[in-house]
Amino acid sequence: MENGDVNLLRSRSREAPDVSASSDLDSSLEGDPSPGRHQQGDNHITSNGRIEVEHVMSKKMQLKRKAEFLKDNLMRQFDSQVNDFMDSLIEELASFKTEPVSAVFSPPLSDKERSKHGHVQPLHSQGKHFISRRSLLDELFEVNHIRTIYHMFIAVLILFILSTLVVDFIDEGRLVLDFDLLVYAFGQFPLVVCTWIYMFLSVLLVPYNLFNLWCQSQSGSHGHHRLHNCLFGAAYLLYQALGLGFLPTYVAVTNSLPPASCFIITLEQVRLMMKVHSFIRENVPRVLNSAKDKKGPGPVVPQVSQYLYFLFAPTLIYRDQYPRNPVIRWSYVATKLLQVLGCTFYTYYVFVRLCIPQFRIISLQLFDLRAMVLCVFNSILPGVLILFLGFFAFLHCWLNAFAEMLRFADKMFYKDWWNSTSYANYYRTWNVVVHDWLFYYVYLDFLWMSQKRFRLAAMLCVFTLSAVVHEYILTICFGFFYPVLFCLFMCFGLLFNFIMHDKRKGPIWNIFMWTSIFLGQGFIICLYSQEWYARRYCPLKEASFLDLLKPRSWSCQGLDGRL
């Protein structure tokens, strides 16, 4: 019996778990350095227990930091998704037009009554709704993986600077820091400033006063409203064509302003013309509707402060009020302006290191098919870099800086155009500011005037206007007419808009879109640069009008030349 009891106890002791080992692990996790609880057979345990405790504690701290990191990432992603959902929900709720009960339950209007009131209410009576939201890149830069891509671009800029300094030091025996290309591109800057002051003051005074006088003529009890409409409309169109359209262009052309200076004038010219049209377009229907209401208080003219704020606000759609931020983050403004300056120098180094050395050699050769193919593919890299720099400098940094200074809260100046699988979506998301203006004031107004019968013609009108304005800007900046961008817009852009429509989904279409964009940038940089050098290497003594329109790069083979 005693031997059996002993054997039974031994078997039970073998089956029982090692309580001391588990207690040792618990005490180690709790930081108990008691050496009496360690077993001698464990490889991770020493005689005094200190190394084991430090090892477990370091593991515990690593796990804790990893858990906190994952928690922060999950919370940021959750907040971003909730914010996007709430923004879209608010925008959809705001788009519903609240109508009085009598209007909801009233019988539908006849065709005669609808046509009678149609000249006052356009299709976009509600229009664009502004809500408080951040720019997409500001949200994406909070993710370390996306911010690393930004750091990579900075590293490429540093390499450009180093390569330029090293090459200049080898060639000249000294560091060359004169930035001659930037000095040339922004030449005659005082004249640019004077021209901008004239454009801004004329936009501030002429359209607002014309609109104010027209409102007074509408509020009066006397007749001749149609005559007043014609007179004020003619005066407004004359100002747009001559005062804001012709005179700045005349200054730029007659003074032979360099490209960057012309670029500033033409962009501001187009921006102010679009803003003036939006101000008139949004307020005229309100005045006409209030003039029909004989019992009403009369038309309400926007204040000068509202109009002045709109002229500086980063939007082309006029509203009396916009969502505003409570404070101005001046550090954010300084950061964005420094980034604009950095993108300017980045573009300078792209031209100095990638464009000018290539085209100085190519322009001395005969321009045949082989030279064109090599030129296009060699121009893809600088073209894509210039595309990214222009987008980041203007649509993100410049517009966000002004939005922050004006406490303008709706900072959706672009969307995720890089994820587009169709050109239709790309056109909508690349530049939301310009797209909204084209959509509400060209596309919808065309449909309204045609009573929604010519949607294809309305889209063609939008493409044509956009292509003409883009080509006009490049023509004035470069000093010659070479409609490469116009042809790309009207041919390939319009064609791809139908081929790559919104039903195209999947990564293959995004790859196709990026490939076509890269090729397009290569064509633009190659052909315009070729023409730029050809105009300088092969000047015409007595050029006719047809010679000015004919591309010089097709027949020029210069022997020597300078930039």
Protein backbone atom coordinates (compact mmCIF):
# COMPACT_ATOMS: atom_id res chain seq x y z
CA MET A 1 0.00 0.00 0.00
CA GLU A 2 2.70 2.42 0.89
CA ASN A 3 4.52 1.70 -2.37
CA GLY A 4 1.29 2.20 -4.31
CA ASP A 5 0.53 5.48 -2.55
CA VAL A 6 4.03 6.69 -3.29
CA ASN A 7 3.68 5.80 -6.97
CA LEU A 8 0.28 7.52 -7.11
CA LEU A 9 1.69 10.70 -5.59
CA ARG A 10 4.60 10.65 -8.01
CA SER A 11 2.28 10.28 -11.01
CA ARG A 12 0.11 13.17 -9.80
CA SER A 13 3.17 15.35 -9.29
CA ARG A 14 4.23 14.65 -12.88
CA GLU A 15 0.76 15.61 -14.21
CA ALA A 16 0.47 18.80 -12.18
CA PRO A 17 1.56 22.05 -13.89
CA ASP A 18 4.75 23.77 -12.90
CA VAL A 19 3.31 26.40 -10.57
CA SER A 20 6.68 27.81 -9.66
CA ALA A 21 7.58 28.41 -13.31
CA SER A 22 4.36 30.28 -14.01
CA SER A 23 4.71 32.30 -10.84
CA ASP A 24 8.25 33.13 -11.89
CA LEU A 25 6.96 34.46 -15.22
CA ASP A 26 4.26 36.51 -13.51
CA SER A 27 6.74 37.96 -11.09
CA SER A 28 9.08 38.76 -13.94
CA LEU A 29 6.34 40.63 -15.83
CA GLU A 30 5.48 42.51 -12.66
CA GLY A 31 9.10 43.47 -12.23
CA ASP A 32 9.73 41.36 -9.11
CA PRO A 33 13.49 40.70 -9.03
CA SER A 34 13.28 37.98 -6.39
CA PRO A 35 16.08 35.48 -7.21
CA GLY A 36 14.64 32.69 -5.14
CA ARG A 37 11.87 31.89 -7.66
CA HIS A 38 14.08 31.11 -10.65
CA GLN A 39 14.73 27.60 -11.88
CA GLN A 40 18.20 26.57 -12.86
CA GLY A 41 17.14 24.82 -16.08
CA ASP A 42 15.87 27.95 -17.91
CA ASN A 43 18.29 29.27 -20.50
CA HIS A 44 16.98 32.87 -20.24
CA ILE A 45 17.50 33.10 -16.47
CA THR A 46 20.74 33.95 -14.70
CA SER A 47 21.77 33.48 -11.12
CA ASN A 48 20.73 36.91 -9.86
CA GLY A 49 17.67 37.45 -12.17
CA ARG A 50 18.58 40.98 -13.29
CA ILE A 51 19.18 40.21 -16.95
CA GLU A 52 15.88 38.33 -17.21
CA VAL A 53 13.92 41.20 -15.65
CA GLU A 54 15.51 43.77 -17.92
CA HIS A 55 14.80 41.60 -20.96
CA VAL A 56 11.14 41.14 -20.06
CA MET A 57 10.68 44.81 -19.17
CA SER A 58 12.19 45.95 -22.48
CA LYS A 59 9.86 43.58 -24.34
CA LYS A 60 6.94 44.92 -22.37
CA MET A 61 7.84 48.54 -23.20
CA GLN A 62 8.26 47.69 -26.88
CA LEU A 63 4.85 46.04 -26.99
CA LYS A 64 3.34 49.02 -25.20
CA ARG A 65 4.86 51.52 -27.64
CA LYS A 66 3.74 49.40 -30.59
CA ALA A 67 0.20 49.24 -29.21
CA GLU A 68 0.12 53.03 -28.73
CA PHE A 69 1.43 53.56 -32.27
CA LEU A 70 -1.23 51.26 -33.73
CA LYS A 71 -3.88 52.97 -31.65
CA ASP A 72 -2.88 56.43 -32.92
CA ASN A 73 -2.85 55.24 -36.54
CA LEU A 74 -6.25 53.59 -36.21
CA MET A 75 -7.72 56.68 -34.57
CA ARG A 76 -6.33 58.97 -37.28
CA GLN A 77 -7.71 56.75 -40.03
CA PHE A 78 -11.06 56.53 -38.28
CA ASP A 79 -11.22 60.30 -37.80
CA SER A 80 -10.31 60.89 -41.45
CA GLN A 81 -12.99 58.52 -42.70
CA VAL A 82 -15.60 59.98 -40.36
CA ASN A 83 -14.69 63.53 -41.44
CA ASP A 84 -14.97 62.57 -45.13
CA PHE A 85 -18.31 60.91 -44.49
CA MET A 86 -19.67 63.88 -42.54
CA ASP A 87 -18.43 66.35 -45.18
CA SER A 88 -20.18 64.44 -47.94
CA LEU A 89 -23.31 64.10 -45.81
CA ILE A 90 -23.41 67.82 -45.04
CA GLU A 91 -22.85 68.65 -48.69
CA GLU A 92 -25.68 66.35 -49.77
CA LEU A 93 -28.01 67.74 -47.11
CA ALA A 94 -27.20 71.29 -48.15
CA SER A 95 -27.94 70.46 -51.77
CA PHE A 96 -31.60 69.75 -50.97
CA LYS A 97 -33.64 72.78 -51.78
CA THR A 98 -36.18 73.59 -49.07
CA GLU A 99 -39.37 74.85 -50.64
CA PRO A 100 -42.44 76.27 -48.97
CA VAL A 101 -45.53 74.09 -48.60
CA SER A 102 -47.49 76.07 -51.16
CA ALA A 103 -44.78 75.52 -53.76
CA VAL A 104 -44.58 71.82 -53.04
CA PHE A 105 -48.29 71.17 -53.36
CA SER A 106 -49.02 73.70 -56.10
CA PRO A 107 -49.85 72.39 -59.57
CA PRO A 108 -46.97 72.19 -62.07
CA LEU A 109 -46.30 75.20 -64.26
CA SER A 110 -47.28 75.21 -67.87
CA ASP A 111 -44.71 75.48 -70.64
CA LYS A 112 -45.62 79.12 -71.15
CA GLU A 113 -45.20 79.97 -67.45
CA ARG A 114 -41.98 77.96 -67.24
CA SER A 115 -40.50 79.80 -70.22
CA LYS A 116 -41.66 83.08 -68.71
CA HIS A 117 -39.72 82.47 -65.50
CA GLY A 118 -36.87 80.57 -67.08
CA HIS A 119 -34.75 83.64 -67.81
CA VAL A 120 -34.33 84.36 -64.11
CA GLN A 121 -33.72 80.95 -62.52
CA PRO A 122 -30.84 78.94 -63.97
CA LEU A 123 -30.28 75.23 -63.49
CA HIS A 124 -27.80 75.83 -60.68
CA SER A 125 -30.05 78.01 -58.50
CA GLN A 126 -28.49 76.36 -55.44
CA GLY A 127 -24.97 76.26 -56.86
CA LYS A 128 -21.83 75.19 -55.05
CA HIS A 129 -22.01 74.75 -51.29
CA PHE A 130 -18.97 75.70 -49.26
CA ILE A 131 -18.21 73.77 -46.08
CA SER A 132 -15.27 73.72 -43.71
CA ARG A 133 -12.73 71.06 -44.78
CA ARG A 134 -8.99 70.61 -45.05
CA SER A 135 -6.88 70.05 -48.13
CA LEU A 136 -6.29 66.43 -48.98
CA LEU A 137 -2.48 66.61 -48.91
CA ASP A 138 -2.53 68.14 -45.44
CA GLU A 139 -4.35 65.06 -44.23
CA LEU A 140 -2.16 62.66 -46.18
CA PHE A 141 1.07 64.22 -44.92
CA GLU A 142 0.12 63.14 -41.41
CA VAL A 143 0.81 59.57 -42.55
CA ASN A 144 4.52 58.81 -42.36
CA HIS A 145 4.50 56.73 -45.54
CA ILE A 146 3.11 59.62 -47.61
CA ARG A 147 5.37 62.15 -45.97
CA THR A 148 8.36 60.02 -46.95
CA ILE A 149 7.50 60.64 -50.62
CA TYR A 150 7.65 64.38 -49.87
CA HIS A 151 11.06 63.85 -48.28
CA MET A 152 12.21 61.99 -51.39
CA PHE A 153 11.38 65.01 -53.56
CA ILE A 154 13.38 67.21 -51.18
CA ALA A 155 16.30 64.80 -51.50
CA VAL A 156 16.12 65.06 -55.30
CA LEU A 157 16.21 68.87 -54.99
CA ILE A 158 19.32 68.63 -52.81
CA LEU A 159 20.98 66.43 -55.43
CA PHE A 160 20.07 68.93 -58.17
CA ILE A 161 21.65 71.74 -56.15
CA LEU A 162 24.79 69.72 -55.42
CA SER A 163 25.22 68.65 -59.03
CA THR A 164 24.80 72.22 -60.27
CA LEU A 165 27.29 73.58 -57.75
CA VAL A 166 29.84 70.86 -58.51
CA VAL A 167 29.60 71.27 -62.29
CA ASP A 168 29.84 75.05 -62.03
CA PHE A 169 32.84 74.76 -59.73
CA ILE A 170 34.58 72.41 -62.19
CA ASP A 171 33.81 74.62 -65.19
CA GLU A 172 34.39 78.04 -63.61
CA GLY A 173 36.72 77.23 -60.74
CA ARG A 174 34.33 78.92 -58.32
CA LEU A 175 30.80 78.63 -56.97
CA VAL A 176 28.29 80.26 -59.34
CA LEU A 177 25.21 81.53 -57.49
CA ASP A 178 23.84 84.14 -59.89
CA PHE A 179 20.58 82.32 -60.86
CA ASP A 180 20.64 83.96 -64.28
CA LEU A 181 17.63 81.99 -65.57
CA LEU A 182 15.42 83.13 -62.68
CA VAL A 183 16.56 86.74 -63.13
CA TYR A 184 15.71 86.55 -66.82
CA ALA A 185 12.34 84.78 -66.35
CA PHE A 186 11.08 87.34 -63.80
CA GLY A 187 12.51 90.37 -65.61
CA GLN A 188 10.81 93.80 -65.66
CA PHE A 189 9.03 92.91 -62.42
CA PRO A 190 8.15 96.54 -61.52
CA LEU A 191 6.13 96.77 -64.73
CA VAL A 192 4.37 93.54 -63.75
CA VAL A 193 3.44 95.01 -60.37
CA CYS A 194 2.10 98.21 -61.96
CA THR A 195 0.03 96.22 -64.44
CA TRP A 196 -1.42 94.09 -61.65
CA ILE A 197 -2.32 97.19 -59.61
CA TYR A 198 -4.16 98.61 -62.62
CA MET A 199 -6.07 95.35 -63.18
CA PHE A 200 -7.02 95.00 -59.53
CA LEU A 201 -8.18 98.61 -59.07
CA SER A 202 -10.19 98.52 -62.29
CA VAL A 203 -11.87 95.25 -61.23
CA LEU A 204 -12.58 96.69 -57.79
CA LEU A 205 -14.16 99.92 -59.11
CA VAL A 206 -15.67 99.42 -62.56
CA PRO A 207 -17.79 96.22 -62.34
CA TYR A 208 -19.09 96.96 -58.85
CA ASN A 209 -20.16 100.51 -59.70
CA LEU A 210 -21.73 99.40 -62.97
CA PHE A 211 -23.69 96.74 -61.12
CA ASN A 212 -24.74 99.21 -58.44
CA LEU A 213 -26.03 101.69 -61.04
CA TRP A 214 -27.86 98.93 -62.87
CA CYS A 215 -29.55 97.84 -59.60
CA GLN A 216 -30.75 101.38 -59.04
CA SER A 217 -32.25 101.46 -62.53
CA GLN A 218 -34.08 98.21 -61.82
CA SER A 219 -35.51 99.39 -58.51
CA GLY A 220 -37.02 102.55 -60.00
CA SER A 221 -40.66 102.77 -61.03
CA HIS A 222 -39.90 104.24 -64.45
CA GLY A 223 -39.78 102.13 -67.61
CA HIS A 224 -37.03 101.54 -70.15
CA HIS A 225 -35.61 98.60 -68.17
CA ARG A 226 -34.71 96.80 -71.36
CA LEU A 227 -32.77 99.82 -72.64
CA HIS A 228 -30.91 100.09 -69.35
CA ASN A 229 -30.10 96.39 -69.46
CA CYS A 230 -28.64 96.74 -72.94
CA LEU A 231 -26.58 99.81 -72.04
CA PHE A 232 -25.13 98.40 -68.84
CA GLY A 233 -24.57 94.99 -70.46
CA ALA A 234 -22.67 96.61 -73.34
CA ALA A 235 -20.57 98.67 -70.91
CA TYR A 236 -19.75 95.54 -68.90
CA LEU A 237 -18.74 93.53 -71.98
CA LEU A 238 -16.68 96.45 -73.29
CA TYR A 239 -14.79 96.63 -70.00
CA GLN A 240 -14.17 92.88 -70.00
CA ALA A 241 -12.90 92.95 -73.59
CA LEU A 242 -10.81 96.15 -73.54
CA GLY A 243 -10.12 97.22 -69.97
CA LEU A 244 -9.36 93.77 -68.62
CA GLY A 245 -8.72 91.76 -71.76
CA PHE A 246 -6.80 93.90 -74.25
CA LEU A 247 -4.75 96.35 -72.19
CA PRO A 248 -2.81 93.84 -70.00
CA THR A 249 -2.06 91.74 -73.08
CA TYR A 250 -0.90 94.83 -74.95
CA VAL A 251 1.49 95.72 -72.11
CA ALA A 252 2.94 92.21 -72.05
CA VAL A 253 3.41 91.96 -75.82
CA THR A 254 4.72 95.45 -76.57
CA ASN A 255 7.24 95.34 -73.72
CA SER A 256 8.40 91.80 -74.61
CA LEU A 257 8.04 90.60 -71.05
CA PRO A 258 9.89 87.34 -70.24
CA PRO A 259 7.91 84.13 -69.69
CA ALA A 260 7.41 84.16 -65.91
CA SER A 261 6.40 87.84 -65.87
CA CYS A 262 3.91 87.22 -68.70
CA PHE A 263 2.66 84.18 -66.82
CA ILE A 264 1.82 86.31 -63.78
CA ILE A 265 -0.04 88.92 -65.83
CA THR A 266 -2.05 86.47 -67.94
CA LEU A 267 -3.00 84.26 -65.00
CA GLU A 268 -4.17 87.24 -62.98
CA GLN A 269 -5.99 88.60 -66.02
CA VAL A 270 -7.91 85.35 -66.52
CA ARG A 271 -8.56 84.96 -62.78
CA LEU A 272 -10.01 88.45 -62.41
CA MET A 273 -12.16 88.08 -65.53
CA MET A 274 -13.61 84.84 -64.15
CA LYS A 275 -14.23 86.42 -60.75
CA VAL A 276 -16.01 89.43 -62.27
CA HIS A 277 -18.22 87.15 -64.34
CA SER A 278 -19.09 85.10 -61.24
CA PHE A 279 -20.00 88.22 -59.26
CA ILE A 280 -22.30 89.51 -62.00
CA ARG A 281 -23.71 86.07 -62.78
CA GLU A 282 -24.64 85.29 -59.17
CA ASN A 283 -26.17 88.68 -58.32
CA VAL A 284 -28.13 89.56 -61.46
CA PRO A 285 -30.77 86.80 -60.97
CA ARG A 286 -31.29 87.91 -57.36
CA VAL A 287 -31.92 91.49 -58.45
CA LEU A 288 -34.32 90.42 -61.19
CA ASN A 289 -36.26 88.20 -58.78
CA SER A 290 -36.49 90.96 -56.17
CA ALA A 291 -37.57 93.48 -58.83
CA LYS A 292 -40.56 91.26 -59.66
CA ASP A 293 -41.65 91.31 -56.03
CA LYS A 294 -43.32 94.71 -55.81
CA LYS A 295 -44.00 94.33 -52.07
CA GLY A 296 -40.44 93.40 -51.23
CA PRO A 297 -37.75 95.70 -49.86
CA GLY A 298 -35.97 95.88 -53.22
CA PRO A 299 -32.70 94.43 -54.43
CA VAL A 300 -29.92 93.92 -51.92
CA VAL A 301 -26.55 94.97 -53.36
CA PRO A 302 -23.52 93.17 -51.87
CA GLN A 303 -21.27 95.33 -49.76
CA VAL A 304 -17.89 96.47 -51.01
CA SER A 305 -16.19 94.47 -48.25
CA GLN A 306 -17.89 91.28 -49.48
CA TYR A 307 -16.80 91.95 -53.04
CA LEU A 308 -13.25 92.80 -51.93
CA TYR A 309 -13.01 89.60 -49.89
CA PHE A 310 -14.16 87.59 -52.90
CA LEU A 311 -11.44 89.11 -55.10
CA PHE A 312 -8.76 87.67 -52.81
CA ALA A 313 -10.54 84.48 -51.73
CA PRO A 314 -9.22 81.24 -53.31
CA THR A 315 -12.46 80.51 -55.17
CA LEU A 316 -14.08 81.58 -58.43
CA ILE A 317 -17.68 81.19 -57.18
CA TYR A 318 -19.14 84.30 -55.51
CA ARG A 319 -21.04 84.07 -52.25
CA ASP A 320 -21.97 86.76 -49.77
CA GLN A 321 -20.61 84.63 -46.94
CA TYR A 322 -18.11 81.78 -46.75
CA PRO A 323 -17.29 79.40 -43.89
CA ARG A 324 -14.47 80.95 -41.87
CA ASN A 325 -11.84 79.61 -39.51
CA PRO A 326 -11.64 81.14 -36.01
CA VAL A 327 -7.90 81.96 -36.10
CA ILE A 328 -5.03 82.43 -38.54
CA ARG A 329 -2.10 80.04 -38.23
CA TRP A 330 0.75 82.27 -39.34
CA SER A 331 3.28 79.46 -39.03
CA TYR A 332 1.22 77.48 -41.55
CA VAL A 333 1.15 80.49 -43.89
CA ALA A 334 4.93 80.91 -43.64
CA THR A 335 5.45 77.21 -44.32
CA LYS A 336 3.30 77.28 -47.46
CA LEU A 337 4.96 80.43 -48.83
CA LEU A 338 8.41 78.90 -48.23
CA GLN A 339 7.27 75.79 -50.07
CA VAL A 340 6.19 77.96 -53.02
CA LEU A 341 9.65 79.54 -53.02
CA GLY A 342 11.24 76.10 -52.82
CA CYS A 343 9.16 74.87 -55.78
CA THR A 344 10.30 77.91 -57.78
CA PHE A 345 13.96 77.02 -57.21
CA TYR A 346 13.14 73.36 -57.85
CA THR A 347 11.73 74.30 -61.28
CA TYR A 348 14.83 76.39 -61.95
CA TYR A 349 17.11 73.41 -61.32
CA VAL A 350 14.92 71.12 -63.45
CA PHE A 351 15.37 73.48 -66.39
CA VAL A 352 19.07 74.02 -65.73
CA ARG A 353 19.99 70.35 -65.29
CA LEU A 354 17.46 68.51 -67.48
CA CYS A 355 16.06 70.84 -70.13
CA ILE A 356 18.56 73.46 -71.27
CA PRO A 357 21.57 71.12 -71.86
CA GLN A 358 19.37 68.73 -73.85
CA PHE A 359 17.65 71.29 -76.07
CA ARG A 360 20.78 73.30 -76.77
CA ILE A 361 22.17 70.18 -78.43
CA ILE A 362 18.95 68.96 -80.08
CA SER A 363 18.18 72.38 -81.55
CA LEU A 364 21.46 72.32 -83.47
CA GLN A 365 20.43 69.12 -85.24
CA LEU A 366 17.93 68.46 -88.00
CA PHE A 367 14.49 67.89 -86.52
CA ASP A 368 13.43 64.52 -87.96
CA LEU A 369 11.29 61.66 -86.65
CA ARG A 370 14.11 60.02 -84.71
CA ALA A 371 15.09 63.28 -83.06
CA MET A 372 11.46 63.92 -82.12
CA VAL A 373 10.98 60.47 -80.55
CA LEU A 374 14.16 60.81 -78.51
CA CYS A 375 13.21 64.36 -77.54
CA VAL A 376 9.75 63.34 -76.32
CA PHE A 377 10.97 60.45 -74.18
CA ASN A 378 13.87 62.50 -72.76
CA SER A 379 11.39 65.24 -71.86
CA ILE A 380 9.05 63.01 -69.87
CA LEU A 381 11.04 63.25 -66.61
CA PRO A 382 11.34 67.07 -66.53
CA GLY A 383 7.75 67.37 -67.77
CA VAL A 384 6.39 65.21 -64.96
CA LEU A 385 8.49 67.03 -62.35
CA ILE A 386 7.19 70.39 -63.60
CA LEU A 387 3.62 69.03 -63.50
CA PHE A 388 4.00 67.91 -59.88
CA LEU A 389 5.74 71.12 -58.87
CA GLY A 390 3.08 73.30 -60.48
CA PHE A 391 0.30 71.35 -58.79
CA PHE A 392 1.96 71.39 -55.38
CA ALA A 393 3.11 75.02 -55.53
CA PHE A 394 -0.12 76.59 -56.78
CA LEU A 395 -3.08 74.34 -56.05
CA HIS A 396 -1.83 73.28 -52.63
CA CYS A 397 0.65 75.77 -51.16
CA TRP A 398 -0.39 79.09 -52.74
CA LEU A 399 -4.15 78.62 -52.39
CA ASN A 400 -3.84 77.23 -48.87
CA ALA A 401 -1.66 80.17 -47.82
CA PHE A 402 -4.27 82.70 -48.99
CA ALA A 403 -7.09 80.61 -47.54
CA GLU A 404 -5.37 80.62 -44.16
CA MET A 405 -4.67 84.36 -44.24
CA LEU A 406 -8.33 85.06 -45.12
CA ARG A 407 -9.62 82.38 -42.70
CA PHE A 408 -11.29 80.73 -45.68
CA ALA A 409 -12.36 77.32 -44.34
CA ASP A 410 -13.24 75.36 -47.50
CA LYS A 411 -9.83 74.19 -48.72
CA MET A 412 -10.91 71.55 -51.19
CA PHE A 413 -8.99 73.02 -54.14
CA TYR A 414 -8.36 69.57 -55.61
CA LYS A 415 -9.31 65.96 -54.98
CA ASP A 416 -7.48 62.67 -55.34
CA TRP A 417 -6.89 63.08 -59.08
CA TRP A 418 -3.93 60.70 -58.91
CA ASN A 419 -6.34 57.80 -58.26
CA SER A 420 -8.47 58.55 -61.32
CA THR A 421 -9.29 55.68 -63.65
CA SER A 422 -11.05 57.92 -66.17
CA TYR A 423 -10.26 61.25 -67.74
CA ALA A 424 -13.71 62.51 -66.84
CA ASN A 425 -12.87 62.06 -63.16
CA TYR A 426 -9.39 63.50 -63.70
CA TYR A 427 -10.83 66.70 -65.18
CA ARG A 428 -13.20 67.02 -62.23
CA THR A 429 -10.59 66.47 -59.53
CA TRP A 430 -7.36 68.01 -60.87
CA ASN A 431 -8.39 71.65 -60.36
CA VAL A 432 -11.67 71.91 -58.48
CA VAL A 433 -11.54 75.73 -58.43
CA VAL A 434 -11.56 76.10 -62.22
CA HIS A 435 -13.79 73.06 -62.74
CA ASP A 436 -16.54 74.56 -60.58
CA TRP A 437 -16.49 77.77 -62.63
CA LEU A 438 -16.64 75.90 -65.93
CA PHE A 439 -19.36 73.58 -64.66
CA TYR A 440 -21.71 76.22 -63.26
CA TYR A 441 -21.15 79.13 -65.65
CA VAL A 442 -20.42 77.36 -68.96
CA TYR A 443 -21.81 73.84 -68.90
CA LEU A 444 -24.99 74.38 -66.86
CA ASP A 445 -25.71 77.79 -68.36
CA PHE A 446 -25.39 76.30 -71.84
CA LEU A 447 -27.85 73.55 -70.88
CA TRP A 448 -30.18 76.13 -69.36
CA MET A 449 -30.21 78.26 -72.52
CA SER A 450 -30.68 75.20 -74.73
CA GLN A 451 -33.31 73.75 -72.36
CA LYS A 452 -31.16 70.67 -71.67
CA ARG A 453 -31.18 69.52 -75.28
CA PHE A 454 -27.49 69.72 -76.25
CA ARG A 455 -25.37 68.10 -73.55
CA LEU A 456 -22.68 67.05 -76.01
CA ALA A 457 -22.45 70.60 -77.37
CA ALA A 458 -22.22 71.94 -73.81
CA MET A 459 -19.30 69.62 -73.03
CA LEU A 460 -17.62 70.54 -76.31
CA CYS A 461 -18.03 74.23 -75.41
CA VAL A 462 -16.28 73.62 -72.07
CA PHE A 463 -13.38 71.80 -73.74
CA THR A 464 -13.01 74.49 -76.40
CA LEU A 465 -13.02 77.36 -73.93
CA SER A 466 -10.50 75.61 -71.67
CA ALA A 467 -8.21 74.76 -74.61
CA VAL A 468 -8.36 78.32 -76.00
CA VAL A 469 -7.55 79.92 -72.65
CA HIS A 470 -4.65 77.54 -71.97
CA GLU A 471 -3.20 78.13 -75.43
CA TYR A 472 -3.68 81.90 -75.08
CA ILE A 473 -1.65 81.90 -71.84
CA LEU A 474 1.20 79.92 -73.41
CA THR A 475 1.17 82.05 -76.57
CA ILE A 476 1.55 85.29 -74.62
CA CYS A 477 4.18 83.81 -72.29
CA PHE A 478 6.38 82.28 -75.00
CA GLY A 479 5.84 84.96 -77.61
CA PHE A 480 4.81 82.59 -80.42
CA PHE A 481 1.77 80.62 -81.53
CA TYR A 482 2.31 76.87 -81.52
CA PRO A 483 -1.01 75.12 -80.66
CA VAL A 484 0.40 71.93 -79.17
CA LEU A 485 -1.61 72.16 -75.98
CA PHE A 486 -4.75 73.12 -77.90
CA CYS A 487 -4.45 70.03 -80.10
CA LEU A 488 -3.82 67.80 -77.10
CA PHE A 489 -6.92 69.22 -75.40
CA MET A 490 -9.26 69.06 -78.39
CA CYS A 491 -8.02 65.78 -79.88
CA PHE A 492 -6.65 63.40 -77.28
CA GLY A 493 -8.27 65.01 -74.24
CA LEU A 494 -11.72 64.98 -75.79
CA LEU A 495 -11.23 61.47 -77.20
CA PHE A 496 -10.00 60.03 -73.90
CA ASN A 497 -12.92 61.68 -72.13
CA PHE A 498 -15.27 59.38 -74.09
CA ILE A 499 -13.05 56.29 -74.11
CA MET A 500 -12.06 56.47 -70.43
CA HIS A 501 -15.42 57.37 -68.90
CA ASP A 502 -16.56 56.88 -65.32
CA LYS A 503 -17.53 53.24 -65.90
CA ARG A 504 -13.87 52.36 -66.37
CA LYS A 505 -12.61 50.94 -63.09
CA GLY A 506 -9.59 48.97 -62.05
CA PRO A 507 -5.85 49.62 -61.79
CA ILE A 508 -5.19 49.07 -65.50
CA TRP A 509 -7.10 52.27 -66.36
CA ASN A 510 -5.19 54.25 -63.76
CA ILE A 511 -1.95 52.99 -65.32
CA PHE A 512 -3.20 53.97 -68.76
CA MET A 513 -4.12 57.44 -67.50
CA TRP A 514 -0.68 58.00 -65.94
CA THR A 515 1.06 56.73 -69.10
CA SER A 516 -0.90 59.14 -71.29
CA ILE A 517 -0.22 62.03 -68.90
CA PHE A 518 3.51 61.28 -68.93
CA LEU A 519 3.56 61.16 -72.73
CA GLY A 520 1.57 64.36 -72.95
CA GLN A 521 4.01 66.17 -70.69
CA GLY A 522 6.87 64.87 -72.82
CA PHE A 523 5.26 66.24 -75.99
CA ILE A 524 4.57 69.62 -74.39
CA ILE A 525 8.09 70.14 -73.03
CA CYS A 526 9.76 68.81 -76.18
CA LEU A 527 7.80 70.71 -78.83
CA TYR A 528 7.56 74.05 -77.03
CA SER A 529 11.27 73.95 -76.11
CA GLN A 530 12.21 73.09 -79.69
CA GLU A 531 10.17 76.02 -80.98
CA TRP A 532 11.64 78.35 -78.33
CA TYR A 533 15.21 77.66 -79.43
CA ALA A 534 14.31 77.65 -83.14
CA ARG A 535 12.87 81.16 -82.83
CA ARG A 536 16.22 82.34 -81.44
CA TYR A 537 18.54 80.35 -83.69
CA CYS A 538 16.65 81.09 -86.92
CA PRO A 539 15.15 84.60 -86.74
CA LEU A 540 13.34 85.96 -89.80
CA LYS A 541 14.29 89.37 -91.11
CA GLU A 542 10.96 90.08 -92.76
CA ALA A 543 8.37 87.72 -91.40
CA SER A 544 4.88 87.62 -92.86
CA PHE A 545 1.79 86.73 -90.88
CA LEU A 546 1.91 83.14 -92.14
CA ASP A 547 5.57 82.88 -91.11
CA LEU A 548 4.57 83.83 -87.58
CA LEU A 549 2.03 81.01 -87.51
CA LYS A 550 4.28 78.39 -89.11
CA PRO A 551 6.40 76.41 -86.60
CA ARG A 552 10.02 77.48 -86.99
CA SER A 553 11.38 74.24 -85.52
CA TRP A 554 10.27 72.23 -88.56
CA SER A 555 12.82 73.90 -90.83
CA CYS A 556 15.42 75.48 -88.54
CA GLN A 557 18.88 73.99 -88.09
CA GLY A 558 20.92 76.50 -86.12
CA LEU A 559 24.69 76.39 -85.95
CA ASP A 560 25.18 78.38 -82.84
CA GLY A 561 23.06 80.27 -80.39
CA ARG A 562 22.46 81.30 -76.87
CA LEU A 563 19.51 81.15 -74.47
